[in-house]
């Protein structure tokens, strides 16, 4: 959810930049494509995926193929980090 909110904020900023600087369309588009290209790696690192380095390398080298990019994205999204349960003992 937080990733989607960050993406929405980014889109709003990009639209504002495009509104005021129409000649920077190429640079903004290249930046957006670069962010989308490394989206699986970003998600894997944010979730502390145990194979996040592997996902990054595969994404970097073979992400230009849509199938490998989708596999990396699915691997990053599906992983659920283990939940640590902390018990508090209160002494009277």
C-alpha atoms as a PDB file:
ATOM      1  CA  UNK A   1       0.000   0.000   0.000  1.00  0.00           C
ATOM      2  CA  UNK A   2       2.800   2.389   0.903  1.00  0.00           C
ATOM      3  CA  UNK A   3       4.548   1.635  -2.402  1.00  0.00           C
ATOM      4  CA  UNK A   4       1.372   2.530  -4.275  1.00  0.00           C
ATOM      5  CA  UNK A   5       1.062   5.809  -2.373  1.00  0.00           C
ATOM      6  CA  UNK A   6       4.696   6.625  -3.175  1.00  0.00           C
ATOM      7  CA  UNK A   7       4.051   5.813  -6.822  1.00  0.00           C
ATOM      8  CA  UNK A   8       0.953   8.035  -6.832  1.00  0.00           C
ATOM      9  CA  UNK A   9       2.922  10.901  -5.286  1.00  0.00           C
ATOM     10  CA  UNK A  10       5.639  10.410  -7.879  1.00  0.00           C
ATOM     11  CA  UNK A  11       3.089  10.528 -10.709  1.00  0.00           C
ATOM     12  CA  UNK A  12       1.643  13.776  -9.336  1.00  0.00           C
ATOM     13  CA  UNK A  13       5.118  15.325  -9.158  1.00  0.00           C
ATOM     14  CA  UNK A  14       5.901  14.174 -12.687  1.00  0.00           C
ATOM     15  CA  UNK A  15       2.657  15.630 -13.998  1.00  0.00           C
ATOM     16  CA  UNK A  16       3.447  18.929 -12.281  1.00  0.00           C
ATOM     17  CA  UNK A  17       6.906  18.971 -13.859  1.00  0.00           C
ATOM     18  CA  UNK A  18       5.441  18.200 -17.274  1.00  0.00           C
ATOM     19  CA  UNK A  19       2.907  21.001 -16.866  1.00  0.00           C
ATOM     20  CA  UNK A  20       5.565  23.606 -16.155  1.00  0.00           C
ATOM     21  CA  UNK A  21       8.444  22.195 -18.208  1.00  0.00           C
ATOM     22  CA  UNK A  22       7.024  20.620 -21.377  1.00  0.00           C
ATOM     23  CA  UNK A  23      10.468  20.331 -22.972  1.00  0.00           C
ATOM     24  CA  UNK A  24      11.702  17.962 -20.287  1.00  0.00           C
ATOM     25  CA  UNK A  25       9.332  15.227 -21.398  1.00  0.00           C
ATOM     26  CA  UNK A  26      12.140  12.979 -22.592  1.00  0.00           C
ATOM     27  CA  UNK A  27      14.058  13.167 -19.312  1.00  0.00           C
ATOM     28  CA  UNK A  28      10.968  12.596 -17.206  1.00  0.00           C
ATOM     29  CA  UNK A  29       9.861   9.691 -19.357  1.00  0.00           C
ATOM     30  CA  UNK A  30      13.323   8.125 -19.146  1.00  0.00           C
ATOM     31  CA  UNK A  31      13.284   8.520 -15.352  1.00  0.00           C
ATOM     32  CA  UNK A  32       9.826   6.927 -15.085  1.00  0.00           C
ATOM     33  CA  UNK A  33      10.898   4.009 -17.256  1.00  0.00           C
ATOM     34  CA  UNK A  34      14.011   3.534 -15.150  1.00  0.00           C
ATOM     35  CA  UNK A  35      11.944   3.488 -11.963  1.00  0.00           C
ATOM     36  CA  UNK A  36       9.495   1.000 -13.450  1.00  0.00           C
ATOM     37  CA  UNK A  37      12.369  -1.135 -14.685  1.00  0.00           C
ATOM     38  CA  UNK A  38      13.794  -1.463 -11.158  1.00  0.00           C
ATOM     39  CA  UNK A  39      10.420  -1.699  -9.385  1.00  0.00           C
ATOM     40  CA  UNK A  40      10.863  -5.433  -8.560  1.00  0.00           C
ATOM     41  CA  UNK A  41      14.257  -4.720  -6.990  1.00  0.00           C
ATOM     42  CA  UNK A  42      12.850  -1.817  -4.988  1.00  0.00           C
ATOM     43  CA  UNK A  43      10.016  -3.946  -3.616  1.00  0.00           C
ATOM     44  CA  UNK A  44      12.402  -6.794  -2.771  1.00  0.00           C
ATOM     45  CA  UNK A  45      14.760  -4.482  -0.870  1.00  0.00           C
ATOM     46  CA  UNK A  46      11.894  -2.770   0.984  1.00  0.00           C
ATOM     47  CA  UNK A  47      10.506  -6.148   2.093  1.00  0.00           C
ATOM     48  CA  UNK A  48      13.993  -7.361   3.120  1.00  0.00           C
ATOM     49  CA  UNK A  49      13.647 -10.331   0.774  1.00  0.00           C
ATOM     50  CA  UNK A  50      16.418 -12.878   1.464  1.00  0.00           C
ATOM     51  CA  UNK A  51      17.182 -13.026  -2.279  1.00  0.00           C
ATOM     52  CA  UNK A  52      16.940  -9.295  -2.952  1.00  0.00           C
ATOM     53  CA  UNK A  53      20.486  -9.123  -4.381  1.00  0.00           C
ATOM     54  CA  UNK A  54      19.690 -12.010  -6.729  1.00  0.00           C
ATOM     55  CA  UNK A  55      16.446 -10.316  -7.820  1.00  0.00           C
ATOM     56  CA  UNK A  56      18.351  -7.069  -8.429  1.00  0.00           C
ATOM     57  CA  UNK A  57      21.035  -8.767 -10.560  1.00  0.00           C
ATOM     58  CA  UNK A  58      18.504 -10.728 -12.623  1.00  0.00           C
ATOM     59  CA  UNK A  59      16.393  -7.591 -13.011  1.00  0.00           C
ATOM     60  CA  UNK A  60      19.446  -5.566 -14.072  1.00  0.00           C
ATOM     61  CA  UNK A  61      20.694  -8.089 -16.624  1.00  0.00           C
ATOM     62  CA  UNK A  62      17.507  -9.633 -18.007  1.00  0.00           C
ATOM     63  CA  UNK A  63      14.710  -7.276 -16.935  1.00  0.00           C
ATOM     64  CA  UNK A  64      14.357  -5.914 -20.451  1.00  0.00           C
ATOM     65  CA  UNK A  65      12.508  -9.113 -21.319  1.00  0.00           C
ATOM     66  CA  UNK A  66       8.989  -8.736 -20.045  1.00  0.00           C
ATOM     67  CA  UNK A  67       8.783 -12.330 -18.801  1.00  0.00           C
ATOM     68  CA  UNK A  68      11.853 -12.067 -16.552  1.00  0.00           C
ATOM     69  CA  UNK A  69      10.701  -8.669 -15.279  1.00  0.00           C
ATOM     70  CA  UNK A  70       7.302 -10.131 -14.379  1.00  0.00           C
ATOM     71  CA  UNK A  71       8.917 -13.116 -12.644  1.00  0.00           C
ATOM     72  CA  UNK A  72      11.106 -10.759 -10.589  1.00  0.00           C
ATOM     73  CA  UNK A  73       8.073  -8.642  -9.733  1.00  0.00           C
ATOM     74  CA  UNK A  74       6.071 -11.685  -8.652  1.00  0.00           C
ATOM     75  CA  UNK A  75       8.966 -12.991  -6.543  1.00  0.00           C
ATOM     76  CA  UNK A  76       9.280  -9.632  -4.830  1.00  0.00           C
ATOM     77  CA  UNK A  77       5.561  -9.168  -4.183  1.00  0.00           C
ATOM     78  CA  UNK A  78       4.756 -12.702  -3.021  1.00  0.00           C
ATOM     79  CA  UNK A  79       7.382 -12.765  -0.262  1.00  0.00           C
ATOM     80  CA  UNK A  80       5.981 -12.103   3.201  1.00  0.00           C
ATOM     81  CA  UNK A  81       8.636 -11.284   5.782  1.00  0.00           C
ATOM     82  CA  UNK A  82       8.434 -13.298   8.989  1.00  0.00           C
ATOM     83  CA  UNK A  83       6.607 -11.610  11.823  1.00  0.00           C
ATOM     84  CA  UNK A  84       8.467 -11.238  15.095  1.00  0.00           C
ATOM     85  CA  UNK A  85       6.306 -11.660  18.156  1.00  0.00           C
ATOM     86  CA  UNK A  86       7.487  -9.723  21.159  1.00  0.00           C
ATOM     87  CA  UNK A  87       5.956 -10.487  24.522  1.00  0.00           C
ATOM     88  CA  UNK A  88       5.990  -7.910  27.248  1.00  0.00           C
ATOM     89  CA  UNK A  89       5.996  -9.170  30.806  1.00  0.00           C
ATOM     90  CA  UNK A  90       4.986  -6.611  33.372  1.00  0.00           C
ATOM     91  CA  UNK A  91       6.029  -7.129  36.966  1.00  0.00           C
ATOM     92  CA  UNK A  92       3.986  -5.634  39.775  1.00  0.00           C
END
